[in-house]
């Protein structure tokens, strides 16, 4: 006889997996601020590297 669970098949069973599933849903709804921050950090790093090569 197979054991039946009351949870749906797609729901994570471990609390850590449930927490990861929640963060995945919230991080997918980015409003573009993360893209701007990534651009600024990347541009700054490129500028510092390029400037250090010239000196």
PDB file of N, CA and C in Angstrom:
ATOM      1  N   UNK A   1       0.844  -1.179   0.000  1.00  0.00           N
ATOM      2  CA  UNK A   1       0.000   0.000   0.000  1.00  0.00           C
ATOM      3  C   UNK A   1       0.892   1.247   0.000  1.00  0.00           C
ATOM      4  N   UNK A   2       0.671   2.146  -0.910  1.00  0.00           N
ATOM      5  CA  UNK A   2       1.466   3.361  -1.048  1.00  0.00           C
ATOM      6  C   UNK A   2       1.006   4.410  -0.050  1.00  0.00           C
ATOM      7  N   UNK A   3       1.952   5.159   0.450  1.00  0.00           N
ATOM      8  CA  UNK A   3       1.648   6.235   1.400  1.00  0.00           C
ATOM      9  C   UNK A   3       1.187   7.475   0.636  1.00  0.00           C
ATOM     10  N   UNK A   4       0.051   8.011   0.998  1.00  0.00           N
ATOM     11  CA  UNK A   4      -0.477   9.211   0.350  1.00  0.00           C
ATOM     12  C   UNK A   4      -0.239  10.415   1.243  1.00  0.00           C
ATOM     13  N   UNK A   5       0.228  11.487   0.644  1.00  0.00           N
ATOM     14  CA  UNK A   5       0.468  12.738   1.356  1.00  0.00           C
ATOM     15  C   UNK A   5      -0.652  13.717   1.045  1.00  0.00           C
ATOM     16  N   UNK A   6      -0.954  14.597   1.968  1.00  0.00           N
ATOM     17  CA  UNK A   6      -2.025  15.563   1.723  1.00  0.00           C
ATOM     18  C   UNK A   6      -1.548  16.762   0.904  1.00  0.00           C
ATOM     19  N   UNK A   7      -0.214  16.929   0.788  1.00  0.00           N
ATOM     20  CA  UNK A   7       0.332  18.051   0.013  1.00  0.00           C
ATOM     21  C   UNK A   7       0.294  17.741  -1.472  1.00  0.00           C
ATOM     22  N   UNK A   8       0.206  18.795  -2.286  1.00  0.00           N
ATOM     23  CA  UNK A   8       0.312  18.557  -3.738  1.00  0.00           C
ATOM     24  C   UNK A   8       1.710  18.076  -4.095  1.00  0.00           C
ATOM     25  N   UNK A   9       1.846  17.439  -5.223  1.00  0.00           N
ATOM     26  CA  UNK A   9       3.127  16.870  -5.640  1.00  0.00           C
ATOM     27  C   UNK A   9       4.165  17.958  -5.860  1.00  0.00           C
ATOM     28  N   UNK A  10       3.777  19.119  -6.335  1.00  0.00           N
ATOM     29  CA  UNK A  10       4.741  20.161  -6.684  1.00  0.00           C
ATOM     30  C   UNK A  10       5.196  20.988  -5.494  1.00  0.00           C
ATOM     31  N   UNK A  11       4.563  20.865  -4.335  1.00  0.00           N
ATOM     32  CA  UNK A  11       4.969  21.692  -3.194  1.00  0.00           C
ATOM     33  C   UNK A  11       6.210  21.107  -2.537  1.00  0.00           C
ATOM     34  N   UNK A  12       7.163  21.955  -2.145  1.00  0.00           N
ATOM     35  CA  UNK A  12       8.379  21.475  -1.489  1.00  0.00           C
ATOM     36  C   UNK A  12       8.051  20.941  -0.091  1.00  0.00           C
ATOM     37  N   UNK A  13       8.689  19.854   0.300  1.00  0.00           N
ATOM     38  CA  UNK A  13       8.359  19.226   1.568  1.00  0.00           C
ATOM     39  C   UNK A  13       9.225  19.726   2.722  1.00  0.00           C
ATOM     40  N   UNK A  14      10.455  20.049   2.468  1.00  0.00           N
ATOM     41  CA  UNK A  14      11.357  20.500   3.517  1.00  0.00           C
ATOM     42  C   UNK A  14      11.198  22.004   3.739  1.00  0.00           C
ATOM     43  N   UNK A  15      11.291  22.481   4.988  1.00  0.00           N
ATOM     44  CA  UNK A  15      11.131  23.926   5.250  1.00  0.00           C
ATOM     45  C   UNK A  15      12.145  24.799   4.497  1.00  0.00           C
ATOM     46  N   UNK A  16      13.372  24.294   4.349  1.00  0.00           N
ATOM     47  CA  UNK A  16      14.381  25.060   3.610  1.00  0.00           C
ATOM     48  C   UNK A  16      13.987  25.198   2.143  1.00  0.00           C
ATOM     49  N   UNK A  17      13.445  24.123   1.561  1.00  0.00           N
ATOM     50  CA  UNK A  17      12.994  24.192   0.174  1.00  0.00           C
ATOM     51  C   UNK A  17      11.803  25.131   0.033  1.00  0.00           C
ATOM     52  N   UNK A  18      10.930  25.153   1.040  1.00  0.00           N
ATOM     53  CA  UNK A  18       9.795  26.088   0.998  1.00  0.00           C
ATOM     54  C   UNK A  18      10.293  27.525   1.017  1.00  0.00           C
ATOM     55  N   UNK A  19      11.319  27.796   1.835  1.00  0.00           N
ATOM     56  CA  UNK A  19      11.877  29.153   1.908  1.00  0.00           C
ATOM     57  C   UNK A  19      12.521  29.540   0.581  1.00  0.00           C
ATOM     58  N   UNK A  20      13.213  28.602  -0.052  1.00  0.00           N
ATOM     59  CA  UNK A  20      13.818  28.888  -1.351  1.00  0.00           C
ATOM     60  C   UNK A  20      12.766  29.140  -2.410  1.00  0.00           C
ATOM     61  N   UNK A  21      11.695  28.403  -2.369  1.00  0.00           N
ATOM     62  CA  UNK A  21      10.625  28.601  -3.343  1.00  0.00           C
ATOM     63  C   UNK A  21       9.994  29.979  -3.173  1.00  0.00           C
ATOM     64  N   UNK A  22       9.856  30.446  -1.932  1.00  0.00           N
ATOM     65  CA  UNK A  22       9.295  31.775  -1.697  1.00  0.00           C
ATOM     66  C   UNK A  22      10.210  32.868  -2.212  1.00  0.00           C
ATOM     67  N   UNK A  23      11.519  32.738  -2.004  1.00  0.00           N
ATOM     68  CA  UNK A  23      12.440  33.774  -2.470  1.00  0.00           C
ATOM     69  C   UNK A  23      12.536  33.768  -3.984  1.00  0.00           C
ATOM     70  N   UNK A  24      12.390  32.614  -4.604  1.00  0.00           N
ATOM     71  CA  UNK A  24      12.446  32.554  -6.051  1.00  0.00           C
ATOM     72  C   UNK A  24      11.283  33.322  -6.667  1.00  0.00           C
ATOM     73  N   UNK A  25      10.113  33.232  -6.057  1.00  0.00           N
ATOM     74  CA  UNK A  25       8.956  33.956  -6.571  1.00  0.00           C
ATOM     75  C   UNK A  25       9.123  35.458  -6.410  1.00  0.00           C
ATOM     76  N   UNK A  26       9.673  35.906  -5.292  1.00  0.00           N
ATOM     77  CA  UNK A  26       9.811  37.345  -5.067  1.00  0.00           C
ATOM     78  C   UNK A  26      10.947  37.935  -5.889  1.00  0.00           C
ATOM     79  N   UNK A  27      12.018  37.175  -6.116  1.00  0.00           N
ATOM     80  CA  UNK A  27      13.133  37.721  -6.886  1.00  0.00           C
ATOM     81  C   UNK A  27      12.806  37.785  -8.378  1.00  0.00           C
ATOM     82  N   UNK A  28      11.847  37.029  -8.821  1.00  0.00           N
ATOM     83  CA  UNK A  28      11.490  37.050 -10.236  1.00  0.00           C
ATOM     84  C   UNK A  28      10.742  38.327 -10.604  1.00  0.00           C
ATOM     85  N   UNK A  29      10.188  39.007  -9.634  1.00  0.00           N
ATOM     86  CA  UNK A  29       9.447  40.237  -9.903  1.00  0.00           C
ATOM     87  C   UNK A  29      10.339  41.449  -9.636  1.00  0.00           C
ATOM     88  N   UNK A  30      11.434  41.530 -10.354  1.00  0.00           N
ATOM     89  CA  UNK A  30      12.368  42.644 -10.214  1.00  0.00           C
ATOM     90  C   UNK A  30      11.806  43.865 -10.926  1.00  0.00           C
ATOM     91  N   UNK A  31      12.049  45.039 -10.338  1.00  0.00           N
ATOM     92  CA  UNK A  31      11.496  46.251 -10.939  1.00  0.00           C
ATOM     93  C   UNK A  31      12.545  47.055 -11.706  1.00  0.00           C
ATOM     94  N   UNK A  32      13.680  46.492 -11.985  1.00  0.00           N
ATOM     95  CA  UNK A  32      14.681  47.174 -12.784  1.00  0.00           C
ATOM     96  C   UNK A  32      15.770  47.847 -11.969  1.00  0.00           C
ATOM     97  N   UNK A  33      15.563  47.996 -10.668  1.00  0.00           N
ATOM     98  CA  UNK A  33      16.604  48.610  -9.841  1.00  0.00           C
ATOM     99  C   UNK A  33      17.853  47.751  -9.816  1.00  0.00           C
ATOM    100  N   UNK A  34      17.669  46.434  -9.795  1.00  0.00           N
ATOM    101  CA  UNK A  34      18.812  45.533  -9.774  1.00  0.00           C
ATOM    102  C   UNK A  34      19.634  45.666 -11.045  1.00  0.00           C
ATOM    103  N   UNK A  35      18.976  45.854 -12.176  1.00  0.00           N
ATOM    104  CA  UNK A  35      19.692  46.027 -13.436  1.00  0.00           C
ATOM    105  C   UNK A  35      20.507  47.311 -13.431  1.00  0.00           C
ATOM    106  N   UNK A  36      19.953  48.365 -12.874  1.00  0.00           N
ATOM    107  CA  UNK A  36      20.670  49.634 -12.801  1.00  0.00           C
ATOM    108  C   UNK A  36      21.878  49.522 -11.872  1.00  0.00           C
ATOM    109  N   UNK A  37      21.695  48.872 -10.742  1.00  0.00           N
ATOM    110  CA  UNK A  37      22.815  48.686  -9.809  1.00  0.00           C
ATOM    111  C   UNK A  37      23.920  47.852 -10.444  1.00  0.00           C
ATOM    112  N   UNK A  38      23.530  46.788 -11.163  1.00  0.00           N
ATOM    113  CA  UNK A  38      24.523  45.958 -11.835  1.00  0.00           C
ATOM    114  C   UNK A  38      25.271  46.752 -12.893  1.00  0.00           C
ATOM    115  N   UNK A  39      24.574  47.594 -13.644  1.00  0.00           N
ATOM    116  CA  UNK A  39      25.227  48.417 -14.657  1.00  0.00           C
ATOM    117  C   UNK A  39      26.218  49.386 -14.016  1.00  0.00           C
ATOM    118  N   UNK A  40      25.807  50.033 -12.926  1.00  0.00           N
ATOM    119  CA  UNK A  40      26.689  51.005 -12.266  1.00  0.00           C
ATOM    120  C   UNK A  40      27.935  50.318 -11.719  1.00  0.00           C
ATOM    121  N   UNK A  41      27.775  49.174 -11.098  1.00  0.00           N
ATOM    122  CA  UNK A  41      28.929  48.457 -10.547  1.00  0.00           C
ATOM    123  C   UNK A  41      29.839  47.980 -11.670  1.00  0.00           C
ATOM    124  N   UNK A  42      29.263  47.468 -12.745  1.00  0.00           N
ATOM    125  CA  UNK A  42      30.071  46.990 -13.863  1.00  0.00           C
ATOM    126  C   UNK A  42      30.821  48.139 -14.540  1.00  0.00           C
ATOM    127  N   UNK A  43      30.139  49.254 -14.739  1.00  0.00           N
ATOM    128  CA  UNK A  43      30.777  50.395 -15.371  1.00  0.00           C
ATOM    129  C   UNK A  43      31.901  50.938 -14.496  1.00  0.00           C
ATOM    130  N   UNK A  44      31.667  51.000 -13.191  1.00  0.00           N
ATOM    131  CA  UNK A  44      32.701  51.489 -12.265  1.00  0.00           C
ATOM    132  C   UNK A  44      33.913  50.567 -12.278  1.00  0.00           C
ATOM    133  N   UNK A  45      33.672  49.252 -12.269  1.00  0.00           N
ATOM    134  CA  UNK A  45      34.785  48.298 -12.299  1.00  0.00           C
ATOM    135  C   UNK A  45      35.561  48.425 -13.607  1.00  0.00           C
ATOM    136  N   UNK A  46      34.862  48.563 -14.730  1.00  0.00           N
ATOM    137  CA  UNK A  46      35.534  48.733 -16.011  1.00  0.00           C
ATOM    138  C   UNK A  46      36.356  50.024 -16.015  1.00  0.00           C
ATOM    139  N   UNK A  47      35.783  51.111 -15.498  1.00  0.00           N
ATOM    140  CA  UNK A  47      36.491  52.384 -15.475  1.00  0.00           C
ATOM    141  C   UNK A  47      37.746  52.293 -14.625  1.00  0.00           C
ATOM    142  N   UNK A  48      37.656  51.662 -13.466  1.00  0.00           N
ATOM    143  CA  UNK A  48      38.821  51.535 -12.580  1.00  0.00           C
ATOM    144  C   UNK A  48      39.905  50.698 -13.257  1.00  0.00           C
ATOM    145  N   UNK A  49      39.521  49.588 -13.870  1.00  0.00           N
ATOM    146  CA  UNK A  49      40.513  48.745 -14.548  1.00  0.00           C
ATOM    147  C   UNK A  49      41.146  49.473 -15.730  1.00  0.00           C
ATOM    148  N   UNK A  50      40.360  50.136 -16.547  1.00  0.00           N
ATOM    149  CA  UNK A  50      40.858  50.852 -17.699  1.00  0.00           C
ATOM    150  C   UNK A  50      41.773  51.998 -17.275  1.00  0.00           C
ATOM    151  N   UNK A  51      41.374  52.720 -16.223  1.00  0.00           N
ATOM    152  CA  UNK A  51      42.155  53.855 -15.736  1.00  0.00           C
ATOM    153  C   UNK A  51      43.483  53.386 -15.143  1.00  0.00           C
ATOM    154  N   UNK A  52      43.466  52.217 -14.452  1.00  0.00           N
ATOM    155  CA  UNK A  52      44.714  51.709 -13.875  1.00  0.00           C
ATOM    156  C   UNK A  52      45.676  51.235 -14.956  1.00  0.00           C
ATOM    157  N   UNK A  53      45.177  50.779 -16.103  1.00  0.00           N
ATOM    158  CA  UNK A  53      46.054  50.387 -17.208  1.00  0.00           C
ATOM    159  C   UNK A  53      46.714  51.605 -17.807  1.00  0.00           C
ATOM    160  N   UNK A  54      45.995  52.714 -17.898  1.00  0.00           N
ATOM    161  CA  UNK A  54      46.564  53.925 -18.477  1.00  0.00           C
ATOM    162  C   UNK A  54      47.635  54.565 -17.588  1.00  0.00           C
ATOM    163  N   UNK A  55      47.511  54.383 -16.298  1.00  0.00           N
ATOM    164  CA  UNK A  55      48.520  54.948 -15.403  1.00  0.00           C
ATOM    165  C   UNK A  55      49.613  53.957 -15.256  1.00  0.00           C
TER     166      UNK A  55
END
